[in-house]
Amino acid sequence: MATSALYQSIELLSQEKGIDPAIVVGAVEEAIALATRKYYKTQENMRGELNRETGEITAYVYKTVVADEDQIEDPVNQITLEEASQMAPGVEVGSEIRIYRDTTPLGRIAAQLAKQIIFQKVREAERDTVFQEYAHREKEVLNATVKRVEGQDVIFDLGKAEARCPRREQSRLEQFTVGERVRVVLLKVDRAAKGPQVVVSRAAPELVQNLFQSEVPEIYDNTVVIRAIAREAGERTKIAVQSRDKDVDPVGACVGMKGMRVQSIIRELRGEKIDIIEFSEEITTFAEKALQPAKVSRVSITDLGEKQLEVIVDDTQLSLAIGKKGQNVRLAAKLLGWKIDIKSEEEKRQEVEQQMQALSGGPTTPIEQVTELGDNIIQKLIAAGVTTVEGLADMTPEQLEEIPGIGEKTLEKISVAVRHYFGQFAEGEEAPEPEVAVESELEAAPVEAELGEATEATSAEEAPAEENNPEEQQPDEEGGA
């Protein structure tokens, strides 16, 4: 059956856009119906019809046949059997009757309207086709050609559709030229987007995974498995690999002889740094490897539920472990799926000292306890904010000299007094607390006196102490006589 030139054009358009020709035909018929109804200024139901053989487009009003005028509910779209029979003898109740309208006088405005409707319908059909083609292929790596650059976005041609790569999904190391072929990761299909609805990425970790599968046969055949990837596009990628064969070194397989395999991937990523790490089920061992190239002193789990690790490194390794702008530790944490708190040996030592100090009750001995200092110096120290013996002992001579009224002689006196104070505890002498105990006994004496026991208690306590009392020596003299 021969087809008209118009229908052939429709078939070519459908093939180019990858949509069903019936959708385009339907769009043409709908457009001509709408244009005709607008031209005749009517609200009647209107349909268009395209003749495939002749290419002729017709438009007609269709009305439903009812028995009589009493049954007419919608006069615009219903017709009585009597009226319908005059137009088409033999028509029955419930059927439809067509009344064709002349489309020749429609003119340029109607043609323009029809054109807009056709384009709109074709675009909608095209978007539906793209959605059905790509919606289920998220995270898949596709081959694409750079079509054009729109502002900060790069538009890629995927073959059946255009794809958009926004700035945030690009690597800062990359510059694209029109016609260049690259691999991209399909992120999502956005039906609401005005432009290309397929969104692709060059920054997704899946791209690195795909490149390793292409370059490393052991990964392709599953001898070596990629367990985790953490990536900051254009900067650095950390990839954790594990071997299923004890005779295969996973890191060596990925690096390749003289680094050929990994260098090929780095070239594809325009010089992005790649750290290949051997995966370990033991989280502390894995953390040590993940923080390479820094050497880790020790790793401990601080909170298993919250997945928190504490990593101690040598003071010289701290900046290397943290990395530029915290990148190394950030990528390691992403790779592990744990939070990492990095501390240097010095920081940890200070933290332990503070904890020990807190456990021992901290510096609580008042400075007034060092009676050797004298009231004048004590007042000056308190005025300067030094209220504890421990705080005074921690101060350097330079810090003490900054306090008003303290010169070299006073400095020497303070040094000797503090040394004597701490020296008495070293020799096992009593701390100041017993003085408080004596005071409490003296305070208690009047109460005992009221009870009639004070005199005996006092004389019994004082007797051994006062050896030179003449009254006590008198009986001895008498006894001697």
Protein backbone atom coordinates (compact mmCIF):
# COMPACT_ATOMS: atom_id res chain seq x y z
CA MET A 1 0.00 0.00 0.00
CA ALA A 2 1.44 3.27 -1.13
CA THR A 3 1.74 5.98 1.49
CA SER A 4 1.55 9.70 1.03
CA ALA A 5 4.54 12.07 1.21
CA LEU A 6 3.16 13.50 4.47
CA TYR A 7 2.98 10.09 6.11
CA GLN A 8 6.49 9.26 4.90
CA SER A 9 7.74 12.47 6.51
CA ILE A 10 6.01 11.47 9.74
CA GLU A 11 7.71 8.05 9.64
CA LEU A 12 11.12 9.68 9.12
CA LEU A 13 10.54 12.07 12.04
CA SER A 14 9.47 9.18 14.28
CA GLN A 15 12.54 7.16 13.34
CA GLU A 16 14.84 10.11 14.06
CA LYS A 17 13.26 10.82 17.45
CA GLY A 18 12.91 7.14 18.33
CA ILE A 19 9.13 7.29 18.88
CA ASP A 20 6.12 5.40 17.52
CA PRO A 21 4.70 6.93 14.23
CA ALA A 22 1.18 6.49 15.67
CA ILE A 23 2.05 9.11 18.34
CA VAL A 24 2.96 11.66 15.65
CA VAL A 25 -0.17 10.84 13.61
CA GLY A 26 -2.27 11.26 16.76
CA ALA A 27 -0.60 14.62 17.40
CA VAL A 28 -1.39 15.80 13.83
CA GLU A 29 -5.02 14.71 14.11
CA GLU A 30 -5.45 16.37 17.53
CA ALA A 31 -3.84 19.57 16.23
CA ILE A 32 -6.12 19.85 13.19
CA ALA A 33 -9.21 19.17 15.35
CA LEU A 34 -8.24 21.90 17.82
CA ALA A 35 -7.45 24.39 15.05
CA THR A 36 -10.78 23.68 13.30
CA ARG A 37 -12.79 24.10 16.52
CA LYS A 38 -11.02 27.38 17.19
CA TYR A 39 -11.68 28.64 13.66
CA TYR A 40 -15.41 27.82 13.81
CA LYS A 41 -15.61 29.10 17.41
CA THR A 42 -17.53 26.03 18.57
CA GLN A 43 -17.53 23.86 21.71
CA GLU A 44 -18.61 20.76 19.77
CA ASN A 45 -16.61 17.52 20.05
CA MET A 46 -14.12 17.58 17.20
CA ARG A 47 -11.77 14.96 15.77
CA GLY A 48 -9.12 15.06 13.06
CA GLU A 49 -8.31 12.32 10.59
CA LEU A 50 -5.21 11.70 8.45
CA ASN A 51 -5.55 9.57 5.36
CA ARG A 52 -2.30 7.58 5.09
CA GLU A 53 -2.66 6.98 1.33
CA THR A 54 -3.66 10.44 0.10
CA GLY A 55 -2.18 12.51 2.95
CA GLU A 56 -5.49 14.38 3.20
CA ILE A 57 -6.36 15.78 6.65
CA THR A 58 -10.03 16.13 7.54
CA ALA A 59 -11.88 17.31 10.63
CA TYR A 60 -15.35 16.39 11.78
CA VAL A 61 -17.81 16.99 14.59
CA TYR A 62 -19.23 13.81 16.17
CA LYS A 63 -22.56 13.74 17.95
CA THR A 64 -24.32 10.97 19.86
CA VAL A 65 -27.76 9.95 18.54
CA VAL A 66 -30.66 9.97 21.08
CA ALA A 67 -34.30 8.91 20.58
CA ASP A 68 -36.01 12.30 20.90
CA GLU A 69 -35.65 15.83 22.22
CA ASP A 70 -36.72 14.82 25.78
CA GLN A 71 -33.54 12.76 26.15
CA ILE A 72 -31.16 15.51 25.04
CA GLU A 73 -28.96 16.57 27.99
CA ASP A 74 -26.14 18.18 25.99
CA PRO A 75 -27.55 19.96 22.91
CA VAL A 76 -24.07 20.75 21.58
CA ASN A 77 -22.90 17.13 21.43
CA GLN A 78 -26.18 15.20 21.10
CA ILE A 79 -28.64 14.93 18.16
CA THR A 80 -32.13 13.45 17.84
CA LEU A 81 -32.73 10.34 15.76
CA GLU A 82 -35.00 12.32 13.44
CA GLU A 83 -32.29 14.90 12.59
CA ALA A 84 -29.59 12.24 12.29
CA SER A 85 -31.72 10.15 9.91
CA GLN A 86 -31.95 13.09 7.50
CA MET A 87 -28.12 13.24 7.31
CA ALA A 88 -27.46 9.49 7.38
CA PRO A 89 -30.46 7.19 6.75
CA GLY A 90 -30.46 4.01 8.80
CA VAL A 91 -28.63 5.47 11.82
CA GLU A 92 -29.52 3.98 15.22
CA VAL A 93 -29.93 5.37 18.74
CA GLY A 94 -26.61 5.34 20.69
CA SER A 95 -24.37 5.51 17.63
CA GLU A 96 -22.29 8.47 16.56
CA ILE A 97 -22.83 10.63 13.53
CA ARG A 98 -20.02 12.55 11.83
CA ILE A 99 -20.47 16.03 10.42
CA TYR A 100 -17.38 17.02 8.41
CA ARG A 101 -16.10 20.60 8.47
CA ASP A 102 -14.27 22.34 5.65
CA THR A 103 -10.59 22.78 6.64
CA THR A 104 -9.44 24.76 3.59
CA PRO A 105 -10.16 28.23 5.02
CA LEU A 106 -8.28 27.61 8.28
CA GLY A 107 -5.36 29.82 7.25
CA ARG A 108 -1.91 30.56 8.60
CA ILE A 109 -2.82 31.05 12.30
CA ALA A 110 -4.51 27.65 12.50
CA ALA A 111 -1.52 26.04 10.79
CA GLN A 112 0.84 27.68 13.31
CA LEU A 113 -1.28 26.41 16.22
CA ALA A 114 -1.30 22.93 14.71
CA LYS A 115 2.49 23.05 14.35
CA GLN A 116 2.94 24.01 18.03
CA ILE A 117 0.72 21.16 19.19
CA ILE A 118 2.56 18.65 17.00
CA PHE A 119 5.95 19.76 18.37
CA GLN A 120 4.68 19.61 21.94
CA LYS A 121 3.27 16.12 21.53
CA VAL A 122 6.42 14.88 19.79
CA ARG A 123 8.59 16.34 22.58
CA GLU A 124 6.44 14.67 25.27
CA ALA A 125 6.62 11.35 23.44
CA GLU A 126 10.37 11.74 23.05
CA ARG A 127 10.81 12.39 26.80
CA ASP A 128 8.71 9.33 27.66
CA THR A 129 10.86 7.20 25.35
CA VAL A 130 14.06 8.53 26.98
CA PHE A 131 12.66 7.85 30.46
CA GLN A 132 11.74 4.25 29.58
CA GLU A 133 15.17 3.73 27.99
CA TYR A 134 17.33 5.07 30.86
CA ALA A 135 15.26 5.10 34.09
CA HIS A 136 16.29 1.56 35.09
CA ARG A 137 19.99 2.07 34.23
CA GLU A 138 21.06 4.28 37.15
CA LYS A 139 24.75 3.95 38.23
CA GLU A 140 25.55 2.35 34.86
CA VAL A 141 28.65 3.56 32.99
CA LEU A 142 27.88 4.74 29.45
CA ASN A 143 29.98 5.88 26.51
CA ALA A 144 29.18 9.44 25.52
CA THR A 145 30.34 12.15 23.12
CA VAL A 146 30.74 15.77 24.17
CA LYS A 147 28.07 17.65 22.17
CA ARG A 148 28.35 21.20 23.55
CA VAL A 149 29.10 23.25 26.65
CA GLU A 150 26.27 25.32 28.15
CA GLY A 151 27.62 27.67 30.83
CA GLN A 152 29.09 25.40 33.49
CA ASP A 153 27.18 22.33 32.29
CA VAL A 154 28.49 19.91 29.67
CA ILE A 155 25.96 18.33 27.32
CA PHE A 156 26.78 14.78 26.21
CA ASP A 157 25.25 12.77 23.38
CA LEU A 158 24.39 9.25 24.54
CA GLY A 159 23.15 8.13 21.12
CA LYS A 160 19.43 7.90 21.90
CA ALA A 161 19.30 11.01 24.07
CA GLU A 162 21.21 14.02 25.33
CA ALA A 163 22.59 14.04 28.87
CA ARG A 164 23.58 16.93 31.13
CA CYS A 165 26.63 16.90 33.41
CA PRO A 166 26.35 19.73 35.97
CA ARG A 167 29.42 21.46 37.39
CA ARG A 168 29.24 19.65 40.76
CA GLU A 169 29.48 16.30 38.94
CA GLN A 170 32.63 17.25 37.02
CA SER A 171 36.26 16.80 38.04
CA ARG A 172 38.14 20.07 38.43
CA LEU A 173 41.03 18.59 36.44
CA GLU A 174 38.95 18.06 33.31
CA GLN A 175 38.32 20.32 30.32
CA PHE A 176 36.13 18.93 27.53
CA THR A 177 36.30 19.57 23.79
CA VAL A 178 33.36 19.05 21.43
CA GLY A 179 33.44 15.61 19.81
CA GLU A 180 35.56 14.03 22.58
CA ARG A 181 34.49 10.52 23.64
CA VAL A 182 34.37 9.84 27.39
CA ARG A 183 32.80 7.45 29.88
CA VAL A 184 30.11 8.82 32.18
CA VAL A 185 28.01 7.44 35.05
CA LEU A 186 24.24 7.74 34.68
CA LEU A 187 23.03 9.39 37.90
CA LYS A 188 19.29 9.83 37.37
CA VAL A 189 16.55 10.61 34.87
CA ASP A 190 14.84 13.89 35.80
CA ARG A 191 11.42 14.10 34.12
CA ALA A 192 10.81 17.64 35.40
CA ALA A 193 13.94 19.12 33.77
CA LYS A 194 13.45 21.66 30.96
CA GLY A 195 16.53 20.64 29.00
CA PRO A 196 18.10 17.17 28.78
CA GLN A 197 16.50 15.03 31.46
CA VAL A 198 19.30 12.48 31.79
CA VAL A 199 21.87 13.60 34.40
CA VAL A 200 25.35 12.05 34.19
CA SER A 201 28.49 12.34 36.29
CA ARG A 202 32.26 12.21 35.91
CA ALA A 203 32.75 12.49 39.69
CA ALA A 204 30.90 9.35 40.84
CA PRO A 205 32.94 6.51 42.45
CA GLU A 206 31.30 4.05 40.01
CA LEU A 207 33.45 5.53 37.21
CA VAL A 208 36.66 4.50 39.01
CA GLN A 209 35.18 1.06 39.70
CA ASN A 210 34.34 0.62 36.00
CA LEU A 211 37.84 1.72 34.94
CA PHE A 212 39.43 -0.84 37.29
CA GLN A 213 37.13 -3.56 35.89
CA SER A 214 38.28 -2.64 32.38
CA GLU A 215 42.00 -2.49 33.22
CA VAL A 216 42.36 -5.30 35.78
CA PRO A 217 41.35 -8.81 34.54
CA GLU A 218 41.39 -10.13 38.14
CA ILE A 219 38.62 -7.66 39.08
CA TYR A 220 36.67 -8.46 35.92
CA ASP A 221 36.67 -12.21 36.69
CA ASN A 222 35.98 -11.60 40.42
CA THR A 223 39.30 -12.99 41.70
CA VAL A 224 39.88 -9.57 43.25
CA VAL A 225 36.84 -7.76 44.68
CA ILE A 226 36.43 -4.01 45.22
CA ARG A 227 35.03 -3.72 48.76
CA ALA A 228 34.80 0.06 49.13
CA ILE A 229 35.55 3.28 47.24
CA ALA A 230 35.81 6.83 48.58
CA ARG A 231 36.36 9.58 46.04
CA GLU A 232 36.85 13.33 45.85
CA ALA A 233 36.85 13.94 42.11
CA GLY A 234 39.91 15.71 40.78
CA GLU A 235 41.78 15.25 44.06
CA ARG A 236 42.13 11.71 45.38
CA THR A 237 40.43 8.32 45.43
CA LYS A 238 40.88 5.54 47.99
CA ILE A 239 39.89 2.06 46.88
CA ALA A 240 39.84 -1.02 49.14
CA VAL A 241 40.38 -4.38 47.40
CA GLN A 242 40.31 -7.96 48.63
CA SER A 243 41.54 -11.17 47.00
CA ARG A 244 39.51 -14.38 46.90
CA ASP A 245 42.63 -16.34 45.96
CA LYS A 246 45.39 -16.49 48.59
CA ASP A 247 48.01 -16.65 45.82
CA VAL A 248 46.87 -13.35 44.26
CA ASP A 249 48.05 -10.05 45.74
CA PRO A 250 45.04 -7.70 45.34
CA VAL A 251 47.06 -4.46 45.51
CA GLY A 252 49.72 -5.76 43.13
CA ALA A 253 47.09 -6.89 40.63
CA CYS A 254 45.53 -3.40 40.58
CA VAL A 255 48.85 -1.58 40.32
CA GLY A 256 50.17 -3.83 37.55
CA MET A 257 53.73 -4.33 36.36
CA LYS A 258 55.64 -1.07 36.85
CA GLY A 259 52.31 0.55 37.71
CA MET A 260 50.98 0.24 34.14
CA ARG A 261 47.40 -0.63 35.08
CA VAL A 262 46.86 2.12 37.63
CA GLN A 263 48.70 4.68 35.47
CA SER A 264 46.25 4.00 32.65
CA ILE A 265 43.34 4.79 35.03
CA ILE A 266 45.08 7.91 36.34
CA ARG A 267 45.49 9.15 32.74
CA GLU A 268 41.78 8.61 32.09
CA LEU A 269 41.00 10.63 35.25
CA ARG A 270 43.39 13.42 34.17
CA GLY A 271 45.96 12.84 36.92
CA GLU A 272 43.73 12.16 39.93
CA LYS A 273 45.68 10.44 42.73
CA ILE A 274 44.64 6.88 43.61
CA ASP A 275 45.42 5.01 46.86
CA ILE A 276 44.94 1.23 46.56
CA ILE A 277 44.45 -0.39 49.99
CA GLU A 278 44.08 -4.01 50.98
CA PHE A 279 40.75 -4.57 52.70
CA SER A 280 40.69 -6.10 56.18
CA GLU A 281 37.75 -7.39 58.22
CA GLU A 282 39.58 -6.19 61.35
CA ILE A 283 38.54 -2.53 61.54
CA THR A 284 41.66 -1.33 63.41
CA THR A 285 43.98 -2.92 60.81
CA PHE A 286 41.84 -1.54 57.99
CA ALA A 287 41.99 1.95 59.55
CA GLU A 288 45.81 1.80 59.70
CA LYS A 289 45.96 0.93 56.00
CA ALA A 290 43.27 3.46 55.04
CA LEU A 291 45.27 6.35 56.54
CA GLN A 292 48.31 5.61 54.36
CA PRO A 293 50.75 7.14 53.50
CA ALA A 294 50.82 8.22 57.20
CA LYS A 295 52.24 5.72 59.72
CA VAL A 296 49.81 5.04 62.56
CA SER A 297 51.04 4.27 66.10
CA ARG A 298 47.81 2.65 67.34
CA VAL A 299 44.08 2.48 66.68
CA SER A 300 41.39 1.91 69.31
CA ILE A 301 37.60 1.67 69.13
CA THR A 302 36.04 4.37 71.35
CA ASP A 303 32.36 3.69 70.57
CA LEU A 304 31.27 0.51 68.80
CA GLY A 305 27.62 1.53 68.52
CA GLU A 306 28.36 4.96 67.03
CA LYS A 307 31.26 3.53 64.98
CA GLN A 308 33.96 5.84 66.33
CA LEU A 309 37.70 5.24 66.20
CA GLU A 310 40.59 6.98 67.94
CA VAL A 311 43.84 7.01 65.96
CA ILE A 312 47.15 7.97 67.59
CA VAL A 313 50.02 9.02 65.32
CA ASP A 314 53.53 10.30 65.94
CA ASP A 315 53.78 14.10 66.16
CA THR A 316 55.69 14.19 62.85
CA GLN A 317 52.96 12.14 61.10
CA LEU A 318 49.95 14.20 62.24
CA SER A 319 49.74 16.59 59.26
CA LEU A 320 50.31 13.72 56.81
CA ALA A 321 47.53 11.63 58.43
CA ILE A 322 45.07 14.54 58.32
CA GLY A 323 46.07 15.46 54.76
CA LYS A 324 45.57 18.65 52.79
CA LYS A 325 42.44 20.40 54.15
CA GLY A 326 41.63 17.18 56.07
CA GLN A 327 41.25 15.20 52.85
CA ASN A 328 43.18 12.06 53.87
CA VAL A 329 41.26 11.44 57.10
CA ARG A 330 37.96 12.43 55.43
CA LEU A 331 38.40 9.86 52.65
CA ALA A 332 39.57 7.21 55.13
CA ALA A 333 36.45 7.77 57.26
CA LYS A 334 34.25 7.50 54.16
CA LEU A 335 36.04 4.31 53.10
CA LEU A 336 35.65 2.69 56.54
CA GLY A 337 32.18 4.00 57.27
CA TRP A 338 33.46 4.99 60.75
CA LYS A 339 34.15 8.35 62.39
CA ILE A 340 37.88 8.92 62.95
CA ASP A 341 39.39 11.11 65.65
CA ILE A 342 43.13 11.65 65.02
CA LYS A 343 45.46 12.71 67.84
CA SER A 344 49.20 13.09 68.11
CA GLU A 345 51.19 11.34 70.85
CA GLU A 346 51.64 14.70 72.63
CA GLU A 347 47.90 15.51 72.53
CA LYS A 348 47.07 12.07 73.90
CA ARG A 349 49.67 12.43 76.68
CA GLN A 350 48.19 15.78 77.74
CA GLU A 351 44.69 14.32 77.64
CA VAL A 352 45.73 11.41 79.88
CA GLU A 353 47.43 13.84 82.30
CA GLN A 354 44.25 15.93 82.52
CA GLN A 355 42.17 12.80 83.14
CA MET A 356 44.57 11.66 85.89
CA GLN A 357 44.44 15.12 87.43
CA ALA A 358 40.65 15.07 87.33
CA LEU A 359 40.59 11.62 88.97
CA SER A 360 42.89 12.79 91.78
CA GLY A 361 40.58 15.70 92.51
CA GLY A 362 42.70 18.31 90.74
CA PRO A 363 44.69 21.18 92.30
CA THR A 364 42.78 21.99 95.46
CA THR A 365 45.45 22.90 98.08
CA PRO A 366 45.01 26.59 99.03
CA ILE A 367 48.15 28.74 98.79
CA GLU A 368 47.64 29.88 102.41
CA GLN A 369 48.94 26.46 103.50
CA VAL A 370 52.51 27.55 102.61
CA THR A 371 52.99 29.66 105.75
CA GLU A 372 56.67 30.12 104.93
CA LEU A 373 55.71 32.58 102.17
CA GLY A 374 54.35 35.18 104.57
CA ASP A 375 51.04 37.06 104.33
CA ASN A 376 52.41 39.86 102.12
CA ILE A 377 53.57 37.54 99.30
CA ILE A 378 50.42 35.38 99.59
CA GLN A 379 48.23 38.47 99.10
CA LYS A 380 50.20 39.47 95.97
CA LEU A 381 49.90 35.96 94.51
CA ILE A 382 46.15 35.76 95.20
CA ALA A 383 45.69 39.19 93.58
CA ALA A 384 47.44 37.80 90.48
CA GLY A 385 45.04 34.83 90.39
CA VAL A 386 47.42 32.22 91.86
CA THR A 387 45.29 30.57 94.56
CA THR A 388 46.66 27.01 94.75
CA VAL A 389 50.05 25.54 95.67
CA GLU A 390 49.96 23.32 92.54
CA GLY A 391 49.28 26.35 90.33
CA LEU A 392 52.23 28.17 91.90
CA ALA A 393 54.53 25.17 91.41
CA ASP A 394 53.64 24.98 87.69
CA MET A 395 54.61 28.61 87.05
CA THR A 396 57.97 29.52 85.48
CA PRO A 397 60.25 32.19 87.04
CA GLU A 398 59.46 34.47 84.08
CA GLN A 399 55.73 34.18 84.76
CA LEU A 400 56.24 34.93 88.46
CA GLU A 401 58.36 38.02 87.70
CA GLU A 402 55.44 39.44 85.71
CA ILE A 403 53.39 39.62 88.96
CA PRO A 404 53.60 43.16 90.46
CA GLY A 405 55.78 43.37 93.58
CA ILE A 406 57.72 40.14 92.98
CA GLY A 407 61.46 40.60 92.37
CA GLU A 408 64.47 38.28 92.38
CA LYS A 409 64.68 37.96 96.20
CA THR A 410 60.94 37.24 96.50
CA LEU A 411 61.27 34.75 93.65
CA GLU A 412 63.99 32.89 95.52
CA LYS A 413 61.91 32.91 98.71
CA ILE A 414 58.88 31.46 96.81
CA SER A 415 61.08 28.75 95.27
CA VAL A 416 62.48 27.69 98.66
CA ALA A 417 59.03 27.78 100.33
CA VAL A 418 57.42 25.63 97.63
CA ARG A 419 60.34 23.20 97.70
CA HIS A 420 60.08 22.89 101.49
CA TYR A 421 56.31 22.47 101.28
CA PHE A 422 56.48 19.55 98.83
CA GLY A 423 59.63 18.22 100.54
CA GLN A 424 57.82 17.62 103.84
CA PHE A 425 55.36 15.27 102.06
CA ALA A 426 58.23 13.47 100.36
CA GLU A 427 59.76 12.79 103.83
CA GLY A 428 56.47 11.46 105.07
CA GLU A 429 55.55 14.38 107.30
CA GLU A 430 51.97 15.15 108.10
CA ALA A 431 49.86 17.17 105.66
CA PRO A 432 48.06 20.31 106.86
CA GLU A 433 44.85 18.39 107.61
CA PRO A 434 45.85 17.47 111.24
CA GLU A 435 45.92 21.20 112.09
CA VAL A 436 42.24 21.26 111.34
CA ALA A 437 41.81 18.23 113.60
CA VAL A 438 43.54 20.03 116.57
CA GLU A 439 41.28 23.02 116.11
CA SER A 440 38.25 20.77 116.24
CA GLU A 441 39.51 19.26 119.53
CA LEU A 442 39.94 22.71 121.05
CA GLU A 443 36.50 23.69 119.88
CA ALA A 444 35.15 20.56 121.48
CA ALA A 445 36.83 21.29 124.91
CA PRO A 446 34.11 23.63 126.30
CA VAL A 447 31.49 21.00 125.58
CA GLU A 448 33.54 18.41 127.48
CA ALA A 449 33.97 20.90 130.39
CA GLU A 450 30.20 21.16 130.68
CA LEU A 451 30.08 17.40 131.03
CA GLY A 452 32.64 17.56 133.92
CA GLU A 453 35.35 15.61 132.05
CA ALA A 454 37.47 18.44 130.60
CA THR A 455 39.93 18.84 133.57
CA GLU A 456 40.88 15.18 133.70
CA ALA A 457 41.18 14.87 129.92
CA THR A 458 43.36 17.96 129.65
CA SER A 459 45.72 17.00 132.52
CA ALA A 460 46.03 13.46 131.14
CA GLU A 461 46.96 14.78 127.66
CA GLU A 462 49.31 17.52 128.88
CA ALA A 463 51.16 15.44 131.55
CA PRO A 464 53.55 13.60 129.24
CA ALA A 465 54.28 16.78 127.20
CA GLU A 466 55.27 19.13 130.07
CA GLU A 467 58.36 17.37 131.49
CA ASN A 468 59.86 20.55 133.09
CA ASN A 469 56.82 21.37 135.25
CA PRO A 470 58.21 21.97 138.86
CA GLU A 471 54.94 20.89 140.42
CA GLU A 472 55.24 17.46 138.82
CA GLN A 473 58.93 17.18 139.88
CA GLN A 474 58.15 17.97 143.55
CA PRO A 475 57.02 14.48 144.63
CA ASP A 476 60.25 13.03 143.16
CA GLU A 477 62.33 15.38 145.28
CA GLU A 478 60.34 14.50 148.35
CA GLY A 479 60.68 10.85 147.59
CA GLY A 480 64.41 11.26 147.25
CA ALA A 481 64.66 12.88 150.71
